[in-house]
Amino acid sequence: MNQEKRNENMEINTLERKKQEKMALSNKLKKEINALKEKRDEENKSVSRHKALRQQKNQEKDSKKSRLEQVQKELAKVQGELEKSYEAYKKEHNQVYWKYQTEPVSRKEEERILEKLEELEKKKEDAKKISILKKEQKDLKKEVRQITTEANIHHKIVTQRADRSEKYHQEMIKTYNQIDELEEEIDQLKEKISKVRSKNKAKKTVRATERDQMAEKSLEKFREQGKITLGAIARNE
């Protein structure tokens, strides 16, 4: 009987130990999930931050490209009307003006010279405008390249961070599944422990009943033996 009870206790202890081990592992995995969640959330914050910066750079780039297109159209229009550089028109303007100032000319010739000076002044200003537009075109192209590089850097960071976030997320899902399996196994162990305890309790009740019955029989037998002895004594008297 004592051996049977020891076996029952051993079975309960074994099941309890397995349950505690699985609960400890489940708690450990829950802590791992919290750590993974923190890492994933940090990556997501970085993704959002660099997405905003990328968008800002793309907007800057679009604005610069729009202005660059305007400059190129203005250049094409003005350059089509000119044959010389600003310095060449300036030199020619100075020469004509010097001639006008130093040489006697007829009224008709004077009118022609003044028209020529006016024409050269306009071409000189247009040529100067071309020089300014070309510099702006050069600067804009450089800025577009620089902004594009910066936008690409932010895009690369977004991609890398998003990949890491997804990796952490998948690890979380995997760990959640492991916890679900452990929780199911823990529930099964709890059920087994409950059944074993109920079974042991039932056995204990049966044993107690059997002991009571044996005691009752022993008492009944003792009573019968007592009656026999008393009867024998009475007959002898």
Protein backbone atom coordinates (compact mmCIF):
# COMPACT_ATOMS: atom_id res chain seq x y z
CA MET A 1 0.00 0.00 0.00
CA ASN A 2 2.83 2.39 0.90
CA GLN A 3 4.57 1.59 -2.39
CA GLU A 4 1.38 2.36 -4.32
CA LYS A 5 1.09 5.70 -2.53
CA ARG A 6 4.74 6.51 -3.31
CA ASN A 7 4.13 5.71 -6.97
CA GLU A 8 1.10 8.00 -7.00
CA ASN A 9 3.09 10.84 -5.42
CA MET A 10 5.94 10.27 -7.88
CA GLU A 11 3.54 10.54 -10.82
CA ILE A 12 2.11 13.83 -9.47
CA ASN A 13 5.61 15.23 -8.83
CA THR A 14 6.76 14.28 -12.34
CA LEU A 15 3.75 15.98 -13.93
CA GLU A 16 4.16 19.07 -11.72
CA ARG A 17 7.86 19.31 -12.63
CA LYS A 18 7.06 19.14 -16.35
CA LYS A 19 4.36 21.78 -15.89
CA GLN A 20 6.73 24.12 -14.02
CA GLU A 21 9.44 23.65 -16.67
CA LYS A 22 7.02 24.52 -19.47
CA MET A 23 5.66 27.52 -17.53
CA ALA A 24 9.20 28.79 -16.97
CA LEU A 25 9.97 28.40 -20.68
CA SER A 26 6.70 30.17 -21.56
CA ASN A 27 7.61 33.12 -19.29
CA LYS A 28 11.08 33.26 -20.84
CA LEU A 29 9.58 33.37 -24.35
CA LYS A 30 7.18 36.14 -23.28
CA LYS A 31 10.16 38.23 -22.18
CA GLU A 32 11.82 37.52 -25.53
CA ILE A 33 8.66 38.74 -27.29
CA ASN A 34 8.76 42.00 -25.31
CA ALA A 35 12.41 42.50 -26.34
CA LEU A 36 11.55 41.72 -29.98
CA LYS A 37 8.60 44.12 -29.84
CA GLU A 38 10.83 46.93 -28.57
CA LYS A 39 13.30 46.30 -31.40
CA ARG A 40 10.51 46.11 -34.00
CA ASP A 41 8.89 49.32 -32.74
CA GLU A 42 12.24 51.13 -32.81
CA GLU A 43 12.79 50.02 -36.41
CA ASN A 44 9.26 51.18 -37.31
CA LYS A 45 9.93 54.60 -35.77
CA SER A 46 13.09 54.85 -37.87
CA VAL A 47 11.14 53.80 -40.98
CA SER A 48 8.54 56.53 -40.38
CA ARG A 49 11.23 59.14 -39.72
CA HIS A 50 13.23 58.35 -42.85
CA LYS A 51 10.08 58.04 -44.98
CA ALA A 52 9.21 61.61 -43.98
CA LEU A 53 12.76 62.77 -44.79
CA ARG A 54 12.67 60.93 -48.12
CA GLN A 55 9.36 62.56 -48.99
CA GLN A 56 10.76 65.97 -48.05
CA LYS A 57 13.79 65.43 -50.29
CA ASN A 58 11.63 64.22 -53.17
CA GLN A 59 9.48 67.34 -52.85
CA GLU A 60 12.61 69.51 -52.88
CA LYS A 61 13.86 67.62 -55.91
CA ASP A 62 10.55 68.05 -57.76
CA SER A 63 10.64 71.79 -57.03
CA LYS A 64 14.24 72.10 -58.27
CA LYS A 65 13.49 70.05 -61.40
CA SER A 66 10.47 72.21 -62.15
CA ARG A 67 12.60 75.36 -61.91
CA LEU A 68 15.31 73.68 -64.00
CA GLU A 69 12.80 73.00 -66.78
CA GLN A 70 11.77 76.67 -66.74
CA VAL A 71 15.39 77.79 -66.91
CA GLN A 72 16.13 75.43 -69.82
CA LYS A 73 13.07 76.74 -71.72
CA GLU A 74 14.16 80.35 -71.12
CA LEU A 75 17.69 79.49 -72.24
CA ALA A 76 16.47 77.80 -75.41
CA LYS A 77 14.34 80.82 -76.25
CA VAL A 78 17.00 83.49 -75.56
CA GLN A 79 19.92 81.53 -77.04
CA GLY A 80 18.04 81.08 -80.30
CA GLU A 81 18.05 84.86 -80.80
CA LEU A 82 21.76 85.43 -80.07
CA GLU A 83 24.91 84.60 -81.98
CA LYS A 84 27.59 86.04 -79.66
CA SER A 85 28.56 86.10 -76.00
CA TYR A 86 27.93 88.89 -73.54
CA GLU A 87 31.56 90.04 -73.78
CA ALA A 88 31.40 90.14 -77.58
CA TYR A 89 28.21 92.26 -77.58
CA LYS A 90 29.68 94.51 -74.90
CA LYS A 91 32.81 95.06 -76.95
CA GLU A 92 30.81 95.79 -80.09
CA HIS A 93 28.54 98.18 -78.17
CA ASN A 94 31.54 100.08 -76.81
CA GLN A 95 33.09 100.36 -80.26
CA VAL A 96 29.92 101.73 -81.84
CA TYR A 97 29.37 104.12 -78.95
CA TRP A 98 32.97 105.36 -79.17
CA LYS A 99 32.58 105.99 -82.86
CA TYR A 100 29.33 107.83 -82.20
CA GLN A 101 31.04 110.01 -79.60
CA THR A 102 34.22 110.77 -81.51
CA GLU A 103 33.29 110.96 -85.19
CA PRO A 104 31.00 113.44 -86.94
CA VAL A 105 27.97 111.74 -88.46
CA SER A 106 24.91 112.82 -90.42
CA ARG A 107 21.50 112.91 -88.82
CA LYS A 108 20.45 109.80 -90.71
CA GLU A 109 23.65 108.03 -89.69
CA GLU A 110 23.11 109.09 -86.10
CA GLU A 111 19.64 107.55 -86.10
CA ARG A 112 21.08 104.33 -87.50
CA ILE A 113 23.82 104.30 -84.85
CA LEU A 114 21.36 104.91 -82.03
CA GLU A 115 19.16 102.06 -83.25
CA LYS A 116 22.25 99.88 -83.43
CA LEU A 117 23.27 100.83 -79.89
CA GLU A 118 19.77 100.07 -78.64
CA GLU A 119 19.84 96.71 -80.40
CA LEU A 120 23.29 95.88 -78.99
CA GLU A 121 22.21 96.94 -75.48
CA LYS A 122 19.27 94.55 -75.66
CA LYS A 123 21.43 91.72 -76.98
CA LYS A 124 24.02 92.50 -74.31
CA GLU A 125 21.34 92.22 -71.59
CA ASP A 126 20.00 89.02 -73.14
CA ALA A 127 23.51 87.59 -73.24
CA LYS A 128 23.98 88.58 -69.60
CA LYS A 129 20.67 86.89 -68.80
CA ILE A 130 21.93 83.74 -70.55
CA SER A 131 25.06 83.80 -68.42
CA ILE A 132 22.93 84.08 -65.27
CA LEU A 133 20.55 81.36 -66.46
CA LYS A 134 23.43 79.02 -67.32
CA LYS A 135 24.88 79.47 -63.85
CA GLU A 136 21.46 78.80 -62.32
CA GLN A 137 21.07 75.75 -64.59
CA LYS A 138 24.44 74.42 -63.46
CA ASP A 139 23.62 75.04 -59.79
CA LEU A 140 20.17 73.46 -60.12
CA LYS A 141 21.58 70.33 -61.77
CA LYS A 142 24.10 70.01 -58.97
CA GLU A 143 21.38 70.49 -56.34
CA VAL A 144 19.10 67.93 -58.00
CA ARG A 145 21.95 65.38 -58.01
CA GLN A 146 22.72 66.10 -54.34
CA ILE A 147 19.07 65.92 -53.26
CA THR A 148 18.59 62.71 -55.28
CA THR A 149 21.57 61.17 -53.48
CA GLU A 150 20.14 62.18 -50.09
CA ALA A 151 16.68 60.85 -51.01
CA ASN A 152 18.25 57.55 -52.11
CA ILE A 153 20.10 57.30 -48.79
CA HIS A 154 16.84 57.73 -46.88
CA HIS A 155 15.16 55.19 -49.20
CA LYS A 156 17.93 52.68 -48.54
CA ILE A 157 17.58 53.18 -44.78
CA VAL A 158 13.80 52.77 -45.05
CA THR A 159 14.26 49.49 -46.92
CA GLN A 160 16.86 48.16 -44.47
CA ARG A 161 14.87 49.17 -41.39
CA ALA A 162 11.62 47.79 -42.83
CA ASP A 163 13.36 44.46 -43.54
CA ARG A 164 14.67 44.31 -39.97
CA SER A 165 11.23 45.22 -38.60
CA GLU A 166 9.66 42.41 -40.64
CA LYS A 167 12.33 40.00 -39.41
CA TYR A 168 11.57 40.88 -35.77
CA HIS A 169 7.84 40.62 -36.48
CA GLN A 170 8.22 37.12 -37.96
CA GLU A 171 10.32 36.08 -34.96
CA MET A 172 7.53 37.37 -32.71
CA ILE A 173 4.92 35.33 -34.59
CA LYS A 174 7.11 32.23 -34.34
CA THR A 175 7.59 32.80 -30.60
CA TYR A 176 3.86 33.43 -30.09
CA ASN A 177 3.18 30.06 -31.75
CA GLN A 178 5.69 28.39 -29.44
CA ILE A 179 3.97 29.97 -26.43
CA ASP A 180 0.57 28.81 -27.68
CA GLU A 181 1.90 25.26 -27.97
CA LEU A 182 3.41 25.46 -24.48
CA GLU A 183 0.18 26.85 -23.00
CA GLU A 184 -1.73 23.98 -24.60
CA GLU A 185 0.75 21.46 -23.17
CA ILE A 186 0.52 23.16 -19.75
CA ASP A 187 -3.29 22.90 -19.86
CA GLN A 188 -2.98 19.22 -20.76
CA LEU A 189 -0.59 18.66 -17.85
CA LYS A 190 -2.96 20.48 -15.48
CA GLU A 191 -5.77 18.25 -16.67
CA LYS A 192 -3.63 15.13 -16.17
CA ILE A 193 -2.63 16.28 -12.68
CA SER A 194 -6.28 16.92 -11.83
CA LYS A 195 -7.28 13.48 -13.12
CA VAL A 196 -4.46 11.76 -11.24
CA ARG A 197 -5.40 13.57 -8.04
CA SER A 198 -9.05 12.68 -8.50
CA LYS A 199 -8.06 9.08 -9.19
CA ASN A 200 -5.81 9.03 -6.13
CA LYS A 201 -8.56 10.57 -4.03
CA ALA A 202 -10.98 7.91 -5.24
CA LYS A 203 -8.44 5.19 -4.43
CA LYS A 204 -7.91 6.72 -1.01
CA THR A 205 -11.66 6.70 -0.43
CA VAL A 206 -11.85 3.06 -1.55
CA ARG A 207 -8.98 2.11 0.72
CA ALA A 208 -10.58 3.94 3.61
CA THR A 209 -13.88 2.18 2.92
CA GLU A 210 -12.08 -1.17 2.73
CA ARG A 211 -10.32 -0.43 6.01
CA ASP A 212 -13.63 0.49 7.63
CA GLN A 213 -15.21 -2.69 6.31
CA MET A 214 -12.31 -4.80 7.54
CA ALA A 215 -12.48 -3.10 10.91
CA GLU A 216 -16.23 -3.69 11.02
CA LYS A 217 -15.73 -7.38 10.17
CA SER A 218 -13.00 -7.71 12.76
CA LEU A 219 -15.23 -6.07 15.33
CA GLU A 220 -18.15 -8.30 14.35
CA LYS A 221 -15.91 -11.36 14.58
CA PHE A 222 -14.65 -10.20 17.93
CA ARG A 223 -18.21 -9.76 19.11
CA GLU A 224 -19.15 -13.25 17.90
CA GLN A 225 -16.16 -14.73 19.64
CA GLY A 226 -17.15 -12.88 22.80
CA LYS A 227 -20.66 -14.32 22.66
CA ILE A 228 -19.35 -17.85 22.23
CA THR A 229 -17.07 -17.49 25.20
CA LEU A 230 -19.82 -16.14 27.42
CA GLY A 231 -22.16 -19.00 26.38
CA ALA A 232 -19.55 -21.60 27.21
CA ILE A 233 -18.98 -20.09 30.62
CA ALA A 234 -22.74 -20.11 31.34
CA ARG A 235 -23.09 -23.77 30.38
CA ASN A 236 -20.23 -24.78 32.61
CA GLU A 237 -21.89 -23.16 35.54
